[in-house]
C-alpha cells in the first residue's frame, strides 16, 4: 500500500508540473534555434536564454511541488495517508529530480548535437556548455533540500534567491579560469584537469546535498 501511495504522489506531481516543463523545453528549443542564426549578438542572446530555461525549470519544480504543498496546507493531508516521512521525501526527490531530467537531458543533448553537426559553435565549447548546464542541477538540489528540510517557506525562498543571484557570478568566475576558456575555439572538446575538477565538484555537490536532505529528514520528529 505504501509503495502505491508513493507512486501516486509521484504521478500527481507529474500531472501538475508537466505544463511548466513543456513550456521551459519550448523556450530552450527556441533559444537553440536562435543560436543557429549565426551572428554573434544573436548567438549570445540565444545562449543566455537557453541557460535561463534550464534555470527556470530547476527553480520552479521544487518551489511549485514542495513549497506550494506546504503553503496550501496540503502536507498535513498527505501525511495522513499510509506513508512515512522518508517515503514522502523519496516521492518528492524522485519526482523533482526525474521531472528535471526530462528537459535537462533533452535540451543539453540537443545543444551538443547541434554543436557537433551544425558547426556554428566550435566543438571546443562543449565542455563549457556542460559545466554551465550543471549549475541548474546544483540549484535544484539546494532548493529541493531547503524546501523539504526547512520548517518554513522562508528557507526555500532564501535558497532560491541565493541560487538566482549566484549564477551570474559563477559564470564570471568560470571565465577567469584559464583552463576552462583556453580551448573554447578548439576543433574538438578538450577535457583537461580544470574541466574535470569543476565537473566533479558540481556532481559531488548535487549528490552531497541530496544525501544531506535524506539525513536531516530522517532525524525529524515533527515532520509537518
Protein backbone atom coordinates (compact mmCIF):
# COMPACT_ATOMS: atom_id res chain seq x y z
CA UNK A 1 0.00 0.00 0.00
CA UNK A 2 2.79 2.44 0.93
CA UNK A 3 4.60 1.92 -2.35
CA UNK A 4 1.33 2.53 -4.18
CA UNK A 5 0.86 5.84 -2.35
CA UNK A 6 4.44 6.88 -3.16
CA UNK A 7 3.80 6.14 -6.82
CA UNK A 8 0.58 8.15 -6.75
CA UNK A 9 2.39 11.10 -5.16
CA UNK A 10 4.97 11.00 -7.96
CA UNK A 11 2.28 10.82 -10.64
CA UNK A 12 0.39 13.69 -9.00
CA UNK A 13 3.48 15.91 -9.21
CA UNK A 14 3.98 14.95 -12.85
CA UNK A 15 0.38 15.80 -13.77
CA UNK A 16 0.63 19.18 -12.05
CA UNK A 17 4.07 20.20 -13.30
CA UNK A 18 4.21 18.87 -16.86
CA UNK A 19 2.76 22.05 -18.48
CA UNK A 20 5.56 24.09 -16.91
CA UNK A 21 8.13 21.51 -18.03
CA UNK A 22 6.91 21.64 -21.62
CA UNK A 23 6.93 25.47 -21.61
CA UNK A 24 10.55 25.52 -20.41
CA UNK A 25 11.51 22.92 -23.02
CA UNK A 26 9.85 25.01 -25.72
CA UNK A 27 11.70 28.12 -24.53
CA UNK A 28 15.00 26.24 -24.60
CA UNK A 29 14.29 24.85 -28.07
CA UNK A 30 13.51 28.34 -29.38
CA UNK A 31 16.74 29.62 -27.83
CA UNK A 32 18.72 26.90 -29.60
CA UNK A 33 17.02 27.86 -32.84
CA UNK A 34 18.05 31.49 -32.30
CA UNK A 35 21.68 30.42 -31.80
CA UNK A 36 21.61 28.80 -35.24
CA UNK A 37 21.14 32.21 -36.87
CA UNK A 38 24.88 32.58 -36.52
CA UNK A 39 25.50 36.28 -35.80
CA UNK A 40 27.42 36.90 -32.58
CA UNK A 41 24.90 39.16 -30.74
CA UNK A 42 22.03 36.83 -31.58
CA UNK A 43 24.06 33.79 -30.52
CA UNK A 44 24.79 35.42 -27.15
CA UNK A 45 21.12 36.20 -26.58
CA UNK A 46 20.07 32.69 -27.62
CA UNK A 47 22.74 31.09 -25.42
CA UNK A 48 21.72 33.13 -22.39
CA UNK A 49 18.06 32.25 -22.84
CA UNK A 50 18.95 28.59 -23.29
CA UNK A 51 20.56 28.51 -19.85
CA UNK A 52 17.77 30.61 -18.36
CA UNK A 53 15.25 27.98 -19.48
CA UNK A 54 17.24 25.33 -17.56
CA UNK A 55 17.50 27.59 -14.52
CA UNK A 56 13.76 28.29 -14.60
CA UNK A 57 12.74 24.65 -14.58
CA UNK A 58 15.34 23.84 -11.91
CA UNK A 59 13.93 26.62 -9.72
CA UNK A 60 10.22 26.23 -10.35
CA UNK A 61 9.94 22.47 -9.83
CA UNK A 62 10.84 22.44 -6.09
CA UNK A 63 9.08 25.75 -5.50
CA UNK A 64 5.83 24.58 -7.07
CA UNK A 65 5.93 20.93 -6.00
CA UNK A 66 7.21 21.28 -2.43
CA UNK A 67 6.80 24.82 -1.12
CA UNK A 68 3.32 25.28 -2.53
CA UNK A 69 2.21 22.00 -0.96
CA UNK A 70 3.24 23.28 2.46
CA UNK A 71 1.91 26.78 1.78
CA UNK A 72 -1.52 25.49 0.75
CA UNK A 73 -1.55 23.20 3.82
CA UNK A 74 -1.75 20.07 1.71
CA UNK A 75 1.16 18.45 3.54
CA UNK A 76 -0.94 17.59 6.60
CA UNK A 77 -3.40 15.71 4.39
CA UNK A 78 -0.62 13.88 2.55
CA UNK A 79 0.97 12.77 5.82
CA UNK A 80 -2.40 11.41 6.98
CA UNK A 81 -2.05 8.79 4.24
CA UNK A 82 -0.28 5.46 4.93
CA UNK A 83 3.14 6.88 4.06
CA UNK A 84 6.14 7.71 6.24
CA UNK A 85 8.10 10.96 6.18
CA UNK A 86 11.00 9.25 4.41
CA UNK A 87 8.66 7.78 1.79
CA UNK A 88 7.20 11.25 1.26
CA UNK A 89 10.74 12.61 0.92
CA UNK A 90 11.58 9.85 -1.56
CA UNK A 91 8.48 10.65 -3.62
CA UNK A 92 9.35 14.33 -3.75
CA UNK A 93 13.00 13.70 -4.57
CA UNK A 94 12.19 11.16 -7.31
CA UNK A 95 9.50 13.33 -8.86
CA UNK A 96 11.55 16.55 -8.72
CA UNK A 97 14.80 15.04 -9.97
CA UNK A 98 13.04 12.84 -12.52
CA UNK A 99 10.99 15.69 -13.95
CA UNK A 100 14.07 17.89 -14.17
CA UNK A 101 15.92 15.17 -16.07
CA UNK A 102 13.40 15.31 -18.93
CA UNK A 103 14.02 18.90 -20.08
CA UNK A 104 17.67 18.89 -18.99
CA UNK A 105 18.65 15.81 -20.98
CA UNK A 106 16.56 16.87 -23.96
CA UNK A 107 17.94 20.40 -24.17
CA UNK A 108 21.57 19.63 -23.32
CA UNK A 109 21.68 16.67 -25.72
CA UNK A 110 20.12 18.86 -28.42
CA UNK A 111 22.69 21.60 -27.79
CA UNK A 112 25.61 19.17 -28.03
CA UNK A 113 24.13 17.57 -31.17
CA UNK A 114 23.76 20.96 -32.85
CA UNK A 115 27.33 21.90 -31.96
CA UNK A 116 28.58 18.63 -33.40
CA UNK A 117 26.56 18.73 -36.61
CA UNK A 118 25.99 22.38 -37.48
CA UNK A 119 29.47 23.75 -36.82
CA UNK A 120 28.19 27.23 -35.91
CA UNK A 121 29.62 26.94 -32.38
CA UNK A 122 33.13 25.42 -32.09
CA UNK A 123 33.23 21.89 -30.67
CA UNK A 124 35.66 23.12 -28.04
CA UNK A 125 32.72 24.86 -26.33
CA UNK A 126 31.06 21.55 -25.41
CA UNK A 127 32.84 21.17 -22.02
CA UNK A 128 31.86 24.71 -21.01
CA UNK A 129 28.27 24.10 -22.11
CA UNK A 130 28.17 21.03 -19.87
CA UNK A 131 29.72 22.88 -16.91
CA UNK A 132 27.22 25.72 -17.21
CA UNK A 133 24.36 23.25 -17.67
CA UNK A 134 25.29 21.56 -14.39
CA UNK A 135 24.73 24.76 -12.41
CA UNK A 136 20.90 24.41 -12.53
CA UNK A 137 21.41 20.89 -11.12
CA UNK A 138 23.23 22.39 -8.14
CA UNK A 139 20.46 24.96 -7.73
CA UNK A 140 17.77 22.28 -7.97
CA UNK A 141 19.43 20.17 -5.27
CA UNK A 142 19.87 23.15 -2.93
CA UNK A 143 16.33 24.49 -3.34
CA UNK A 144 14.82 21.00 -3.05
CA UNK A 145 16.79 20.28 0.13
CA UNK A 146 15.95 23.63 1.71
CA UNK A 147 12.27 23.30 0.79
CA UNK A 148 11.99 19.80 2.26
CA UNK A 149 14.13 20.25 5.37
CA UNK A 150 13.12 23.83 6.17
CA UNK A 151 10.20 24.26 8.55
CA UNK A 152 9.01 27.44 6.84
CA UNK A 153 8.57 28.83 3.35
CA UNK A 154 11.43 31.24 4.01
CA UNK A 155 14.12 28.56 3.70
CA UNK A 156 13.11 27.63 0.17
CA UNK A 157 12.77 31.26 -0.87
CA UNK A 158 16.18 32.06 0.62
CA UNK A 159 17.75 29.17 -1.30
CA UNK A 160 16.05 30.38 -4.47
CA UNK A 161 17.34 33.93 -4.01
CA UNK A 162 20.85 32.66 -3.25
CA UNK A 163 20.94 30.48 -6.36
CA UNK A 164 19.43 33.11 -8.64
CA UNK A 165 21.99 35.70 -7.52
CA UNK A 166 24.89 33.24 -7.82
CA UNK A 167 24.53 32.06 -11.42
CA UNK A 168 25.94 35.20 -12.98
CA UNK A 169 28.82 35.33 -10.52
CA UNK A 170 29.65 31.66 -11.13
CA UNK A 171 29.62 32.17 -14.90
CA UNK A 172 32.01 35.10 -14.44
CA UNK A 173 34.33 33.03 -12.23
CA UNK A 174 34.37 30.30 -14.87
CA UNK A 175 35.65 32.84 -17.39
CA UNK A 176 38.56 33.65 -15.07
CA UNK A 177 39.84 30.07 -15.10
CA UNK A 178 42.35 29.77 -17.99
CA UNK A 179 41.92 26.01 -18.26
CA UNK A 180 38.21 26.45 -18.98
CA UNK A 181 38.48 29.25 -21.52
CA UNK A 182 41.66 28.37 -23.42
CA UNK A 183 40.05 25.70 -25.61
CA UNK A 184 36.64 27.21 -26.39
CA UNK A 185 37.53 27.57 -30.07
CA UNK A 186 39.25 24.21 -30.34
CA UNK A 187 38.08 21.91 -33.18
CA UNK A 188 37.40 19.12 -30.66
CA UNK A 189 36.32 19.09 -26.99
CA UNK A 190 39.24 19.26 -24.54
CA UNK A 191 38.60 17.55 -21.21
CA UNK A 192 41.55 18.91 -19.23
CA UNK A 193 42.10 18.81 -15.47
CA UNK A 194 40.31 22.13 -14.90
CA UNK A 195 37.16 20.95 -16.66
CA UNK A 196 37.13 17.60 -14.87
CA UNK A 197 37.78 19.21 -11.48
CA UNK A 198 34.91 21.68 -11.82
CA UNK A 199 32.60 18.98 -13.17
CA UNK A 200 33.47 16.66 -10.29
CA UNK A 201 32.76 19.45 -7.78
CA UNK A 202 29.37 20.11 -9.35
CA UNK A 203 28.34 16.45 -9.40
CA UNK A 204 29.68 15.96 -5.87
CA UNK A 205 27.74 18.99 -4.61
CA UNK A 206 24.48 17.68 -6.06
CA UNK A 207 24.94 14.21 -4.55
CA UNK A 208 26.00 15.65 -1.17
CA UNK A 209 23.00 17.97 -0.92
CA UNK A 210 20.56 15.20 -1.84
CA UNK A 211 22.18 12.87 0.72
CA UNK A 212 22.06 15.55 3.43
CA UNK A 213 18.39 16.11 2.66
CA UNK A 214 17.66 12.47 3.41
CA UNK A 215 19.80 12.58 6.56
CA UNK A 216 18.12 15.65 8.05
CA UNK A 217 14.65 14.42 7.10
CA UNK A 218 15.31 11.10 8.85
CA UNK A 219 16.18 12.91 12.09
CA UNK A 220 12.97 14.96 12.22
CA UNK A 221 10.48 14.23 14.94
CA UNK A 222 7.79 16.66 13.84
CA UNK A 223 7.62 16.38 10.07
CA UNK A 224 4.63 18.64 9.43
